[in-house]
Amino acid sequence: MARPFPVQRYAILLVALLLAVAVGWGTGTAVEQSARARLATSVAADARLRAALLASEIARFRLLPLALADDRDVVAALAGGAGATDALDRKLERLAALTGAAAMYVIAPDGHAIAASNFRSSHSFVASDYRFRPYFQDARRRGEGRQFALGTVSNRPGLYLARRTAAGGVVVVKLDFAAIERQWAAAGGVTYVTDPAGLILIASRPAWRFATTRPLSPALRQRALRESGAAALRGVPFQRDGAGLIRIAGIPGALLVEQTAPDFAGWRVTLAQSTRLAVDDVARAVAAAAGVLALALIGLAYGAWSRARRRAERTSLLESAVADRTAALSREIEERAALESRAGALREALRQANRLATLGQVTASVAHETAQPVAAIRTYAATGETLLDRGATEEVRGNLRAIARLTERIGAVTAQLRGFARKASGEIGPVALTDVIEGAQLILRDHLSRVAVDWPTFPAGLDVVAGRIRLEQVLVNVLQNATEAVATVDAPRIVVTLDRRADTVVLQIRDNGPGIAPDIADRLFTPFATSRAAGLGLGLVIAKDIMEDLGGHLRLVPGGGGACFEILLRRAP
């Protein structure tokens, strides 16, 4: 006859199971909350990186319409010169291939395109009527325009950047973000860009373009249809599932959503990342491991008064279960390491984007600085032909010598551009401080022309230990921040002071702007700390690293009105 199983054993087993479930549930909940907080931080940083890449792509093309507005071929074509439009077609074709622009074209004041980079195509923009386009209307009215819309000929979406010329025409450059969308898709998650109305413009899922993320009023919906050129607006492509979570058809589980602050155009970058690997699976694995561990402890206590054979058997089974769970956790750790590696690659791309954006600013200054020498060279060359016809050879020689001096000037300016664009080699030595100041003034000529600047007297022979290009980069960054800080002040002013000491030289740059908010000042020299909507928050971090490499420092001087930065340099022996 079988021995009856005691009621007490049933009670002990039930209590053990309930305790293990409670421990597993509590541990899993704590781990889930912690993992979700870490994932939110990671996704937010990743979203900022992707927004920075998008901003750098737009910055690459922002100056093209401005540069082309004064191009002689554009001026000639708008003036109706013989063969001018043919020459302009070929130039736009070369520029589009060189820069990677989707299209470049010039519109006459009457709204019809007279030249385009795709003039050879059967879908050429030439002769198309663009009077209805908001970017054309804005450029004619305000001088520049910007619009994201479907192409009327290509039917492909893109960002149109427009600039009015002196003759009343409009130069247009179209950007295609298909490559960025593919990069976002390959990087994982779902990424999309919305305008101020919440309309999706760019997305790693192309089917989401021109979908709404929230209900729109009839007026906003009609405006979005008119400006985008889309036949209809799609509905919201996801379902909201609590605070910060959404669900997307075809993706198991919930996705954590993080959104960047709006840029100067009101665009936001949103990144949705699945919580399954980083949160849900980890929480379940830890909860199971905690429950098994609790059962193991209870089993060990129960095995202390149970028979020796049963105790050994149960211990073996529990050790096997713990080993399986440990292996699962190890795999999760490896996956996290892979995610960190991808984040490192995105950070490196951001550094390159910052260099490209800075190069665009330098290019604008160089274009302005070389405009007058180039105009003078054309004048000397034209008069030289007339003088040759008259036989005035000595005057022709004088013109040639003047042209040579002007080309030396242009060479000095372009050398500034090449030096600023190259990555610093790290070599330092004696550098004349006056040369560095003049280089920074040349690069920021346009910015400083709009501000009253009090410069100190820089004595000749004052040398510091530095690398010229790297020190120029620090001065350009601090001075440009100062000009932007006083942009909204009625009487903008920047004061630069010089303090020569026995072994060091101290430069202080103070502006009369609104100053730096305390919450930003505490983390001013950390990555992504910025109060500007379009800023990356990396310029001062890079500048501070350069100064430390040079044996000096860059710091914010507290107190006083506006903001004051101090640059300390070692004097050369």
Protein backbone atom coordinates (compact mmCIF):
# COMPACT_ATOMS: atom_id res chain seq x y z
CA MET A 1 0.00 0.00 0.00
CA ALA A 2 1.41 3.43 -1.03
CA ARG A 3 2.42 5.72 1.71
CA PRO A 4 0.12 8.82 1.81
CA PHE A 5 1.73 12.18 1.05
CA PRO A 6 1.47 14.34 4.20
CA VAL A 7 -0.68 17.47 4.04
CA GLN A 8 2.20 19.46 5.59
CA ARG A 9 4.38 18.80 2.53
CA TYR A 10 1.70 20.25 0.25
CA ALA A 11 1.59 23.37 2.41
CA ILE A 12 5.40 23.75 2.39
CA LEU A 13 5.54 23.33 -1.39
CA LEU A 14 2.77 25.93 -1.91
CA VAL A 15 4.50 28.45 0.39
CA ALA A 16 7.83 27.88 -1.39
CA LEU A 17 6.27 28.47 -4.80
CA LEU A 18 4.49 31.64 -3.66
CA LEU A 19 7.68 33.02 -2.11
CA ALA A 20 9.71 32.28 -5.26
CA VAL A 21 7.08 33.99 -7.43
CA ALA A 22 7.10 37.05 -5.16
CA VAL A 23 10.90 37.29 -5.20
CA GLY A 24 11.02 36.81 -8.98
CA TRP A 25 8.28 39.39 -9.59
CA GLY A 26 9.87 42.00 -7.31
CA THR A 27 13.35 41.48 -8.75
CA GLY A 28 12.06 41.53 -12.32
CA THR A 29 10.14 44.76 -11.70
CA ALA A 30 13.20 46.50 -10.26
CA VAL A 31 15.42 45.30 -13.10
CA GLU A 32 12.81 46.32 -15.68
CA GLN A 33 12.64 49.88 -14.31
CA SER A 34 16.41 50.21 -14.24
CA ALA A 35 16.84 48.74 -17.74
CA ARG A 36 14.14 51.01 -19.15
CA ALA A 37 15.82 54.10 -17.65
CA ARG A 38 19.16 53.08 -19.21
CA LEU A 39 17.49 52.39 -22.55
CA ALA A 40 15.75 55.79 -22.48
CA THR A 41 19.11 57.52 -21.92
CA SER A 42 20.72 55.53 -24.74
CA VAL A 43 17.83 56.14 -27.17
CA ALA A 44 17.80 59.89 -26.39
CA ALA A 45 21.55 60.13 -27.10
CA ASP A 46 21.13 58.10 -30.28
CA ALA A 47 18.28 60.39 -31.41
CA ARG A 48 20.49 63.46 -30.88
CA LEU A 49 23.26 61.84 -32.94
CA ARG A 50 20.86 61.14 -35.80
CA ALA A 51 19.50 64.70 -35.59
CA ALA A 52 23.05 66.03 -35.75
CA LEU A 53 23.77 63.96 -38.87
CA LEU A 54 20.61 65.34 -40.50
CA ALA A 55 21.57 68.91 -39.56
CA SER A 56 25.07 68.45 -40.99
CA GLU A 57 23.63 67.15 -44.28
CA ILE A 58 21.43 70.25 -44.60
CA ALA A 59 24.32 72.53 -43.57
CA ARG A 60 26.43 71.13 -46.44
CA PHE A 61 23.98 72.55 -48.98
CA ARG A 62 22.69 75.67 -47.19
CA LEU A 63 25.32 77.98 -48.70
CA LEU A 64 25.04 76.67 -52.28
CA PRO A 65 22.05 78.86 -53.32
CA LEU A 66 23.75 81.89 -51.73
CA ALA A 67 27.00 81.22 -53.63
CA LEU A 68 25.21 80.63 -56.94
CA ALA A 69 23.05 83.75 -56.65
CA ASP A 70 26.03 85.93 -57.66
CA ASP A 71 27.56 83.44 -60.12
CA ARG A 72 28.38 85.09 -63.41
CA ASP A 73 26.75 82.28 -65.44
CA VAL A 74 23.53 82.69 -63.44
CA VAL A 75 23.62 86.46 -63.94
CA ALA A 76 24.28 86.04 -67.67
CA ALA A 77 21.48 83.48 -68.11
CA LEU A 78 18.93 85.69 -66.31
CA ALA A 79 20.07 88.62 -68.45
CA GLY A 80 19.36 86.60 -71.61
CA GLY A 81 22.96 86.42 -72.85
CA ALA A 82 23.63 84.36 -75.97
CA GLY A 83 24.45 80.75 -75.07
CA ALA A 84 24.34 81.60 -71.35
CA THR A 85 21.64 79.08 -70.46
CA ASP A 86 23.55 76.23 -72.16
CA ALA A 87 26.68 77.05 -70.14
CA LEU A 88 24.60 77.31 -66.95
CA ASP A 89 22.93 73.92 -67.63
CA ARG A 90 26.32 72.23 -67.84
CA LYS A 91 27.63 74.02 -64.74
CA LEU A 92 24.59 72.99 -62.68
CA GLU A 93 24.97 69.40 -63.93
CA ARG A 94 28.61 69.31 -62.76
CA LEU A 95 27.81 70.91 -59.39
CA ALA A 96 24.94 68.50 -58.71
CA ALA A 97 27.18 65.51 -59.46
CA LEU A 98 30.01 66.93 -57.33
CA THR A 99 27.90 67.84 -54.26
CA GLY A 100 25.36 65.02 -54.42
CA ALA A 101 22.39 67.39 -54.68
CA ALA A 102 19.23 65.80 -56.06
CA ALA A 103 18.65 68.76 -58.42
CA MET A 104 19.79 72.34 -59.00
CA TYR A 105 17.93 74.83 -61.18
CA VAL A 106 17.44 78.55 -61.82
CA ILE A 107 13.99 80.18 -62.12
CA ALA A 108 13.38 83.43 -63.99
CA PRO A 109 11.36 86.22 -62.31
CA ASP A 110 8.27 85.06 -64.23
CA GLY A 111 8.39 81.68 -62.42
CA HIS A 112 9.67 79.50 -65.31
CA ALA A 113 12.88 77.49 -64.98
CA ILE A 114 15.54 78.56 -67.51
CA ALA A 115 18.33 76.09 -66.59
CA ALA A 116 18.56 72.84 -64.60
CA SER A 117 21.09 70.16 -63.68
CA ASN A 118 18.82 67.52 -65.29
CA PHE A 119 18.50 69.35 -68.62
CA ARG A 120 19.55 66.18 -70.47
CA SER A 121 16.73 64.11 -68.91
CA SER A 122 13.37 63.56 -70.50
CA HIS A 123 11.97 64.87 -67.18
CA SER A 124 14.00 68.09 -67.32
CA PHE A 125 12.82 70.98 -65.13
CA VAL A 126 13.60 73.52 -67.86
CA ALA A 127 10.52 75.58 -68.84
CA SER A 128 8.49 74.22 -65.87
CA ASP A 129 6.30 76.78 -64.08
CA TYR A 130 7.10 77.12 -60.33
CA ARG A 131 5.08 80.20 -59.49
CA PHE A 132 2.79 78.13 -57.26
CA ARG A 133 5.67 76.83 -55.10
CA PRO A 134 5.88 78.45 -51.62
CA TYR A 135 9.70 78.34 -51.71
CA PHE A 136 9.65 80.46 -54.93
CA GLN A 137 7.16 82.90 -53.46
CA ASP A 138 9.11 83.20 -50.18
CA ALA A 139 12.43 83.70 -51.99
CA ARG A 140 10.94 86.43 -54.18
CA ARG A 141 9.38 88.13 -51.15
CA ARG A 142 12.00 87.62 -48.39
CA GLY A 143 15.14 86.72 -50.28
CA GLU A 144 15.21 83.04 -49.32
CA GLY A 145 12.80 80.12 -49.07
CA ARG A 146 12.66 76.59 -47.67
CA GLN A 147 10.08 73.85 -48.35
CA PHE A 148 9.85 70.06 -48.02
CA ALA A 149 7.60 68.62 -50.72
CA LEU A 150 7.12 66.07 -53.50
CA GLY A 151 8.73 67.01 -56.81
CA THR A 152 6.21 68.00 -59.46
CA VAL A 153 8.28 66.29 -62.16
CA SER A 154 10.27 63.58 -60.32
CA ASN A 155 7.50 62.84 -57.74
CA ARG A 156 10.31 62.26 -55.18
CA PRO A 157 10.26 64.06 -51.82
CA GLY A 158 13.03 66.43 -50.85
CA LEU A 159 13.98 69.71 -49.17
CA TYR A 160 14.08 72.74 -51.48
CA LEU A 161 16.47 75.59 -50.52
CA ALA A 162 15.93 78.78 -52.57
CA ARG A 163 17.73 82.13 -52.80
CA ARG A 164 16.75 85.26 -54.76
CA THR A 165 19.33 86.77 -57.14
CA ALA A 166 20.01 90.47 -57.73
CA ALA A 167 18.10 90.25 -61.02
CA GLY A 168 14.97 88.89 -59.33
CA GLY A 169 15.51 85.26 -60.33
CA VAL A 170 15.61 82.37 -57.88
CA VAL A 171 18.34 79.69 -57.45
CA VAL A 172 17.00 76.38 -56.06
CA VAL A 173 18.89 73.36 -54.63
CA LYS A 174 16.94 70.18 -53.83
CA LEU A 175 18.18 67.72 -51.16
CA ASP A 176 17.25 64.03 -51.24
CA PHE A 177 17.41 62.22 -47.87
CA ALA A 178 17.11 58.65 -49.21
CA ALA A 179 20.70 57.83 -48.17
CA ILE A 180 20.13 59.09 -44.61
CA GLU A 181 16.89 57.10 -44.40
CA ARG A 182 18.78 53.94 -45.39
CA GLN A 183 21.50 54.65 -42.80
CA TRP A 184 18.86 55.13 -40.09
CA ALA A 185 17.15 51.87 -41.09
CA ALA A 186 20.48 49.99 -40.96
CA ALA A 187 21.29 51.47 -37.52
CA GLY A 188 18.15 49.89 -36.02
CA GLY A 189 14.91 51.18 -34.58
CA VAL A 190 12.38 53.38 -36.36
CA THR A 191 13.47 56.98 -37.03
CA TYR A 192 11.32 59.77 -38.43
CA VAL A 193 11.35 63.58 -38.70
CA THR A 194 8.26 65.72 -38.10
CA ASP A 195 7.48 69.35 -38.89
CA PRO A 196 5.83 71.71 -36.34
CA ALA A 197 2.38 70.35 -37.28
CA GLY A 198 3.46 66.76 -36.54
CA LEU A 199 3.58 65.69 -40.22
CA ILE A 200 6.23 63.02 -40.95
CA LEU A 201 8.66 64.26 -43.65
CA ILE A 202 11.64 61.87 -43.49
CA ALA A 203 11.52 58.30 -42.14
CA SER A 204 13.54 55.09 -42.05
CA ARG A 205 10.25 53.54 -43.20
CA PRO A 206 9.48 55.34 -46.51
CA ALA A 207 5.80 54.35 -46.31
CA TRP A 208 5.44 56.70 -43.33
CA ARG A 209 6.19 59.85 -45.36
CA PHE A 210 3.40 62.45 -45.16
CA ALA A 211 1.66 60.56 -42.35
CA THR A 212 0.32 62.50 -39.37
CA THR A 213 1.36 61.81 -35.79
CA ARG A 214 -1.62 63.63 -34.26
CA PRO A 215 -5.03 64.89 -35.42
CA LEU A 216 -4.88 68.04 -37.57
CA SER A 217 -7.47 70.78 -37.89
CA PRO A 218 -9.03 71.20 -41.36
CA ALA A 219 -7.00 74.38 -41.94
CA LEU A 220 -3.69 72.71 -40.99
CA ARG A 221 -4.53 69.65 -43.09
CA GLN A 222 -5.24 71.79 -46.17
CA ARG A 223 -2.03 73.74 -45.64
CA ALA A 224 0.01 70.54 -45.28
CA LEU A 225 -1.49 69.13 -48.49
CA ARG A 226 -0.78 72.33 -50.37
CA GLU A 227 2.84 72.69 -49.20
CA SER A 228 3.81 68.99 -49.40
CA GLY A 229 2.28 68.33 -52.81
CA ALA A 230 1.00 64.95 -51.53
CA ALA A 231 -2.28 63.63 -52.88
CA ALA A 232 -3.45 62.71 -49.37
CA LEU A 233 -2.13 62.54 -45.80
CA ARG A 234 -1.84 59.12 -44.17
CA GLY A 235 -3.13 58.37 -40.70
CA VAL A 236 -1.01 57.77 -37.60
CA PRO A 237 1.16 54.71 -38.42
CA PHE A 238 1.46 53.49 -34.82
CA GLN A 239 -0.55 53.02 -31.63
CA ARG A 240 0.34 54.77 -28.39
CA ASP A 241 0.78 52.40 -25.44
CA GLY A 242 1.22 54.45 -22.31
CA ALA A 243 3.78 57.19 -21.52
CA GLY A 244 6.70 57.07 -23.93
CA LEU A 245 5.70 53.72 -25.55
CA ILE A 246 4.17 52.89 -28.93
CA ARG A 247 3.29 49.72 -30.84
CA ILE A 248 3.97 49.21 -34.56
CA ALA A 249 2.44 46.50 -36.70
CA GLY A 250 5.00 43.81 -37.52
CA ILE A 251 7.28 44.58 -34.53
CA PRO A 252 6.68 42.42 -31.43
CA GLY A 253 6.30 44.19 -28.12
CA ALA A 254 6.35 47.87 -27.25
CA LEU A 255 8.85 50.48 -28.48
CA LEU A 256 10.37 53.23 -26.32
CA VAL A 257 10.16 56.68 -27.97
CA GLU A 258 12.55 59.63 -27.51
CA GLN A 259 12.28 62.94 -29.37
CA THR A 260 14.83 65.75 -29.85
CA ALA A 261 14.16 69.43 -29.29
CA PRO A 262 12.94 71.31 -32.40
CA ASP A 263 15.59 72.89 -34.62
CA PHE A 264 15.35 76.41 -36.06
CA ALA A 265 12.76 75.20 -38.62
CA GLY A 266 10.70 73.37 -35.98
CA TRP A 267 11.80 69.89 -37.16
CA ARG A 268 12.08 67.14 -34.55
CA VAL A 269 13.84 63.77 -34.86
CA THR A 270 12.02 60.87 -33.14
CA LEU A 271 13.61 57.47 -32.49
CA ALA A 272 11.53 54.43 -31.46
CA GLN A 273 13.55 51.47 -30.14
CA SER A 274 12.20 48.04 -29.19
CA THR A 275 12.25 47.25 -25.47
CA ARG A 276 12.23 43.49 -26.06
CA LEU A 277 15.98 42.78 -25.93
CA ALA A 278 17.12 45.57 -23.62
CA VAL A 279 14.19 45.56 -21.15
CA ASP A 280 11.56 42.85 -21.48
CA ASP A 281 13.81 39.84 -22.09
CA VAL A 282 16.32 41.00 -19.46
CA ALA A 283 13.58 41.54 -16.86
CA ARG A 284 12.04 38.13 -17.57
CA ALA A 285 15.43 36.41 -17.43
CA VAL A 286 16.37 38.07 -14.15
CA ALA A 287 12.93 37.41 -12.66
CA ALA A 288 13.19 33.76 -13.62
CA ALA A 289 16.73 33.53 -12.24
CA ALA A 290 15.65 35.22 -8.99
CA GLY A 291 12.69 32.87 -8.68
CA VAL A 292 14.86 29.84 -9.34
CA LEU A 293 17.40 31.12 -6.82
CA ALA A 294 14.67 31.57 -4.22
CA LEU A 295 13.44 28.05 -4.90
CA ALA A 296 17.04 26.87 -4.63
CA LEU A 297 17.40 28.41 -1.19
CA ILE A 298 14.09 26.99 -0.05
CA GLY A 299 15.03 23.67 -1.52
CA LEU A 300 18.32 23.70 0.36
CA ALA A 301 16.51 24.47 3.61
CA TYR A 302 13.97 21.75 2.87
CA GLY A 303 16.76 19.37 1.88
CA ALA A 304 18.44 19.87 5.27
CA TRP A 305 15.80 17.69 6.90
CA SER A 306 14.95 15.66 3.76
CA ARG A 307 16.67 12.48 2.77
CA ALA A 308 20.24 12.84 1.47
CA ARG A 309 19.49 11.34 -1.98
CA ARG A 310 16.65 13.80 -2.66
CA ARG A 311 18.79 16.68 -1.45
CA ALA A 312 21.65 15.83 -3.86
CA GLU A 313 19.25 15.36 -6.82
CA ARG A 314 17.47 18.67 -6.24
CA THR A 315 20.75 20.56 -5.86
CA SER A 316 22.01 19.21 -9.20
CA LEU A 317 18.83 20.28 -11.00
CA LEU A 318 18.96 23.77 -9.51
CA GLU A 319 22.62 24.25 -10.43
CA SER A 320 21.81 23.33 -14.02
CA ALA A 321 18.97 25.87 -14.10
CA VAL A 322 21.20 28.62 -12.68
CA ALA A 323 23.88 27.83 -15.28
CA ASP A 324 21.31 28.18 -18.10
CA ARG A 325 20.11 31.51 -16.76
CA THR A 326 23.68 32.75 -16.34
CA ALA A 327 24.41 31.87 -19.97
CA ALA A 328 21.31 33.82 -21.04
CA LEU A 329 22.51 36.87 -19.08
CA SER A 330 25.96 36.60 -20.70
CA ARG A 331 24.36 36.74 -24.13
CA GLU A 332 22.44 39.84 -23.10
CA ILE A 333 25.70 41.49 -21.98
CA GLU A 334 27.31 40.72 -25.34
CA GLU A 335 24.35 42.28 -27.18
CA ARG A 336 24.68 45.42 -25.04
CA ALA A 337 28.38 45.64 -25.94
CA ALA A 338 27.46 45.47 -29.64
CA LEU A 339 24.98 48.34 -29.15
CA GLU A 340 27.69 50.45 -27.48
CA SER A 341 30.03 49.77 -30.42
CA ARG A 342 27.42 51.09 -32.88
CA ALA A 343 26.93 54.16 -30.70
CA GLY A 344 30.71 54.80 -30.89
CA ALA A 345 30.54 54.71 -34.69
CA LEU A 346 27.70 57.24 -34.68
CA ARG A 347 29.71 59.53 -32.36
CA GLU A 348 32.65 59.45 -34.79
CA ALA A 349 30.27 60.37 -37.64
CA LEU A 350 29.05 63.31 -35.52
CA ARG A 351 32.61 64.61 -35.09
CA GLN A 352 33.01 64.54 -38.89
CA ALA A 353 29.66 66.33 -39.27
CA ASN A 354 30.82 69.08 -36.88
CA ARG A 355 33.99 69.58 -38.96
CA LEU A 356 31.92 69.80 -42.19
CA ALA A 357 29.50 72.32 -40.67
CA THR A 358 32.44 74.49 -39.48
CA LEU A 359 34.01 74.24 -42.94
CA GLY A 360 30.78 75.60 -44.44
CA GLN A 361 31.01 78.67 -42.19
CA VAL A 362 34.65 79.24 -43.17
CA THR A 363 33.78 78.92 -46.88
CA ALA A 364 31.25 81.76 -46.61
CA SER A 365 33.90 84.05 -45.11
CA VAL A 366 36.49 83.12 -47.75
CA ALA A 367 33.97 83.72 -50.56
CA HIS A 368 33.27 87.18 -49.18
CA GLU A 369 36.97 88.00 -48.68
CA THR A 370 38.03 86.98 -52.21
CA ALA A 371 35.15 88.70 -54.06
CA GLN A 372 36.89 92.09 -54.30
CA PRO A 373 40.33 90.75 -55.44
CA VAL A 374 38.64 88.67 -58.13
CA ALA A 375 36.65 91.68 -59.36
CA ALA A 376 39.84 93.76 -59.45
CA ILE A 377 41.69 91.06 -61.41
CA ARG A 378 38.93 91.06 -64.04
CA THR A 379 39.22 94.85 -64.32
CA TYR A 380 43.02 94.78 -64.68
CA ALA A 381 42.79 92.01 -67.30
CA ALA A 382 40.18 93.91 -69.32
CA THR A 383 42.15 97.15 -69.31
CA GLY A 384 45.33 95.22 -70.14
CA GLU A 385 43.90 94.19 -73.51
CA THR A 386 43.11 97.81 -74.36
CA LEU A 387 46.60 98.93 -73.31
CA LEU A 388 48.21 96.22 -75.45
CA ASP A 389 46.27 97.47 -78.45
CA ARG A 390 47.67 100.95 -77.77
CA GLY A 391 51.22 99.64 -77.33
CA ALA A 392 51.46 100.83 -73.69
CA THR A 393 53.62 97.94 -72.56
CA GLU A 394 54.84 99.55 -69.32
CA GLU A 395 51.28 100.15 -68.16
CA VAL A 396 50.46 96.54 -69.09
CA ARG A 397 53.38 95.40 -66.90
CA GLY A 398 51.97 97.49 -64.07
CA ASN A 399 48.60 95.78 -64.48
CA LEU A 400 50.27 92.33 -64.42
CA ARG A 401 52.16 93.21 -61.21
CA ALA A 402 48.88 94.32 -59.60
CA ILE A 403 47.23 91.07 -60.67
CA ALA A 404 50.13 89.12 -59.10
CA ARG A 405 49.65 90.95 -55.79
CA LEU A 406 45.92 90.22 -55.85
CA THR A 407 46.52 86.51 -56.49
CA GLU A 408 48.92 86.46 -53.51
CA ARG A 409 46.10 87.89 -51.40
CA ILE A 410 43.69 85.20 -52.64
CA GLY A 411 46.34 82.55 -51.94
CA ALA A 412 46.67 83.73 -48.35
CA VAL A 413 42.91 83.55 -47.86
CA THR A 414 42.57 80.08 -49.37
CA ALA A 415 45.54 78.91 -47.27
CA GLN A 416 43.46 79.88 -44.25
CA LEU A 417 40.65 77.67 -45.56
CA ARG A 418 42.95 74.69 -46.19
CA GLY A 419 44.59 75.01 -42.79
CA PHE A 420 41.29 75.34 -40.96
CA ALA A 421 39.77 72.35 -42.81
CA ARG A 422 42.68 69.97 -42.10
CA LYS A 423 42.66 67.86 -38.98
CA ALA A 424 45.31 69.19 -36.55
CA SER A 425 48.59 67.29 -36.48
CA GLY A 426 49.20 67.89 -32.77
CA GLU A 427 52.58 69.67 -33.26
CA ILE A 428 53.05 72.82 -31.20
CA GLY A 429 55.71 75.50 -31.04
CA PRO A 430 56.21 79.28 -30.94
CA VAL A 431 53.38 81.11 -32.77
CA ALA A 432 52.95 84.85 -33.21
CA LEU A 433 49.75 85.82 -31.37
CA THR A 434 49.09 88.63 -33.87
CA ASP A 435 49.02 86.09 -36.74
CA VAL A 436 46.46 83.97 -34.92
CA ILE A 437 44.26 87.00 -34.13
CA GLU A 438 44.39 88.16 -37.77
CA GLY A 439 43.47 84.67 -38.99
CA ALA A 440 40.45 84.52 -36.68
CA GLN A 441 39.37 88.03 -37.75
CA LEU A 442 39.61 87.00 -41.41
CA ILE A 443 37.50 83.87 -40.89
CA LEU A 444 34.82 85.72 -38.86
CA ARG A 445 34.91 88.95 -40.91
CA ASP A 446 31.15 88.86 -41.67
CA HIS A 447 30.14 87.96 -38.10
CA LEU A 448 32.36 90.62 -36.48
CA SER A 449 31.24 93.32 -38.92
CA ARG A 450 27.80 93.27 -37.29
CA VAL A 451 29.15 93.78 -33.74
CA ALA A 452 31.17 96.55 -32.06
CA VAL A 453 34.43 94.87 -30.97
CA ASP A 454 36.98 96.48 -28.63
CA TRP A 455 40.39 94.97 -29.50
CA PRO A 456 43.49 95.48 -27.33
CA THR A 457 46.91 96.38 -28.76
CA PHE A 458 48.85 93.21 -29.58
CA PRO A 459 52.59 94.02 -29.41
CA ALA A 460 54.91 92.68 -32.10
CA GLY A 461 57.06 89.73 -31.06
CA LEU A 462 54.53 88.34 -28.57
CA ASP A 463 54.82 84.58 -29.20
CA VAL A 464 52.89 81.81 -27.45
CA VAL A 465 53.29 78.02 -27.35
CA ALA A 466 50.55 76.64 -29.60
CA GLY A 467 49.60 75.26 -33.01
CA ARG A 468 48.39 78.15 -35.16
CA ILE A 469 45.44 76.38 -36.79
CA ARG A 470 44.27 74.77 -33.52
CA LEU A 471 44.50 78.06 -31.58
CA GLU A 472 42.60 79.81 -34.40
CA GLN A 473 39.91 77.14 -34.05
CA VAL A 474 39.54 77.96 -30.31
CA LEU A 475 39.34 81.74 -30.95
CA VAL A 476 36.88 81.29 -33.83
CA ASN A 477 34.61 79.12 -31.65
CA VAL A 478 34.59 81.53 -28.66
CA LEU A 479 34.21 84.68 -30.81
CA GLN A 480 31.44 83.15 -32.94
CA ASN A 481 29.55 82.11 -29.76
CA ALA A 482 29.88 85.72 -28.56
CA THR A 483 28.51 87.19 -31.82
CA GLU A 484 25.55 84.81 -31.70
CA ALA A 485 24.91 85.66 -28.02
CA VAL A 486 24.56 89.41 -28.77
CA ALA A 487 22.52 88.93 -31.96
CA THR A 488 19.32 90.06 -30.20
CA VAL A 489 20.89 92.89 -28.13
CA ASP A 490 20.13 96.49 -29.14
CA ALA A 491 23.79 97.66 -28.92
CA PRO A 492 25.86 94.49 -29.37
CA ARG A 493 29.44 94.74 -28.09
CA ILE A 494 32.34 92.38 -27.52
CA VAL A 495 35.37 93.42 -25.41
CA VAL A 496 38.69 91.58 -25.80
CA THR A 497 41.39 92.20 -23.16
CA LEU A 498 45.06 91.10 -23.06
CA ASP A 499 47.04 90.45 -19.87
CA ARG A 500 50.78 89.71 -20.33
CA ARG A 501 52.38 87.93 -17.40
CA ALA A 502 55.83 86.52 -16.77
CA ASP A 503 55.21 83.05 -18.21
CA THR A 504 51.67 83.25 -19.54
CA VAL A 505 49.34 85.34 -21.68
CA VAL A 506 45.65 85.68 -20.75
CA LEU A 507 42.94 86.67 -23.24
CA GLN A 508 39.45 87.49 -21.97
CA ILE A 509 36.47 87.73 -24.39
CA ARG A 510 33.36 89.30 -22.83
CA ASP A 511 30.00 90.06 -24.50
CA ASN A 512 26.96 92.06 -23.37
CA GLY A 513 24.49 89.29 -24.24
CA PRO A 514 21.98 87.64 -21.90
CA GLY A 515 24.66 85.45 -20.32
CA ILE A 516 24.65 81.69 -19.73
CA ALA A 517 21.86 80.04 -17.73
CA PRO A 518 23.03 78.42 -14.46
CA ASP A 519 21.80 74.95 -15.49
CA ILE A 520 23.88 75.18 -18.71
CA ALA A 521 26.92 76.78 -17.00
CA ASP A 522 27.32 73.80 -14.63
CA ARG A 523 27.78 71.42 -17.58
CA LEU A 524 29.00 73.86 -20.26
CA PHE A 525 32.08 71.82 -21.19
CA THR A 526 30.28 68.47 -21.44
CA PRO A 527 29.06 67.03 -24.78
CA PHE A 528 25.62 68.16 -26.06
CA ALA A 529 25.29 70.96 -23.49
CA THR A 530 23.84 73.92 -25.42
CA SER A 531 21.04 76.49 -25.11
CA ARG A 532 20.68 77.02 -28.89
CA ALA A 533 18.03 75.05 -30.79
CA ALA A 534 20.37 74.46 -33.76
CA GLY A 535 23.54 73.94 -31.70
CA LEU A 536 25.34 70.62 -31.30
CA GLY A 537 26.92 71.35 -27.89
CA LEU A 538 30.38 70.16 -29.05
CA GLY A 539 32.30 73.34 -29.97
CA LEU A 540 33.38 74.32 -26.43
CA VAL A 541 34.18 70.68 -25.57
CA ILE A 542 36.60 70.50 -28.53
CA ALA A 543 38.04 73.95 -27.76
CA LYS A 544 38.68 73.02 -24.11
CA ASP A 545 40.44 69.79 -25.16
CA ILE A 546 42.66 71.77 -27.57
CA MET A 547 43.67 74.26 -24.85
CA GLU A 548 44.54 71.45 -22.43
CA ASP A 549 46.70 69.84 -25.15
CA LEU A 550 48.49 73.19 -25.57
CA GLY A 551 49.25 73.37 -21.84
CA GLY A 552 46.77 76.18 -21.17
CA HIS A 553 43.10 76.34 -20.28
CA LEU A 554 39.70 77.62 -21.41
CA ARG A 555 37.19 78.48 -18.69
CA LEU A 556 34.03 80.49 -18.08
CA VAL A 557 34.64 83.50 -15.80
CA PRO A 558 31.66 83.83 -13.40
CA GLY A 559 29.95 87.10 -12.55
CA GLY A 560 29.37 90.32 -14.50
CA GLY A 561 26.93 90.97 -17.34
CA GLY A 562 26.85 88.71 -20.38
CA ALA A 563 29.35 85.86 -20.71
CA CYS A 564 33.14 86.03 -20.27
CA PHE A 565 35.59 83.31 -21.38
CA GLU A 566 39.26 83.24 -20.37
CA ILE A 567 41.96 81.70 -22.61
CA LEU A 568 45.34 81.11 -20.90
CA LEU A 569 48.42 80.41 -23.05
CA ARG A 570 52.08 79.73 -22.26
CA ARG A 571 54.54 82.37 -23.49
CA ALA A 572 57.21 81.08 -25.85
CA PRO A 573 60.77 81.39 -24.44
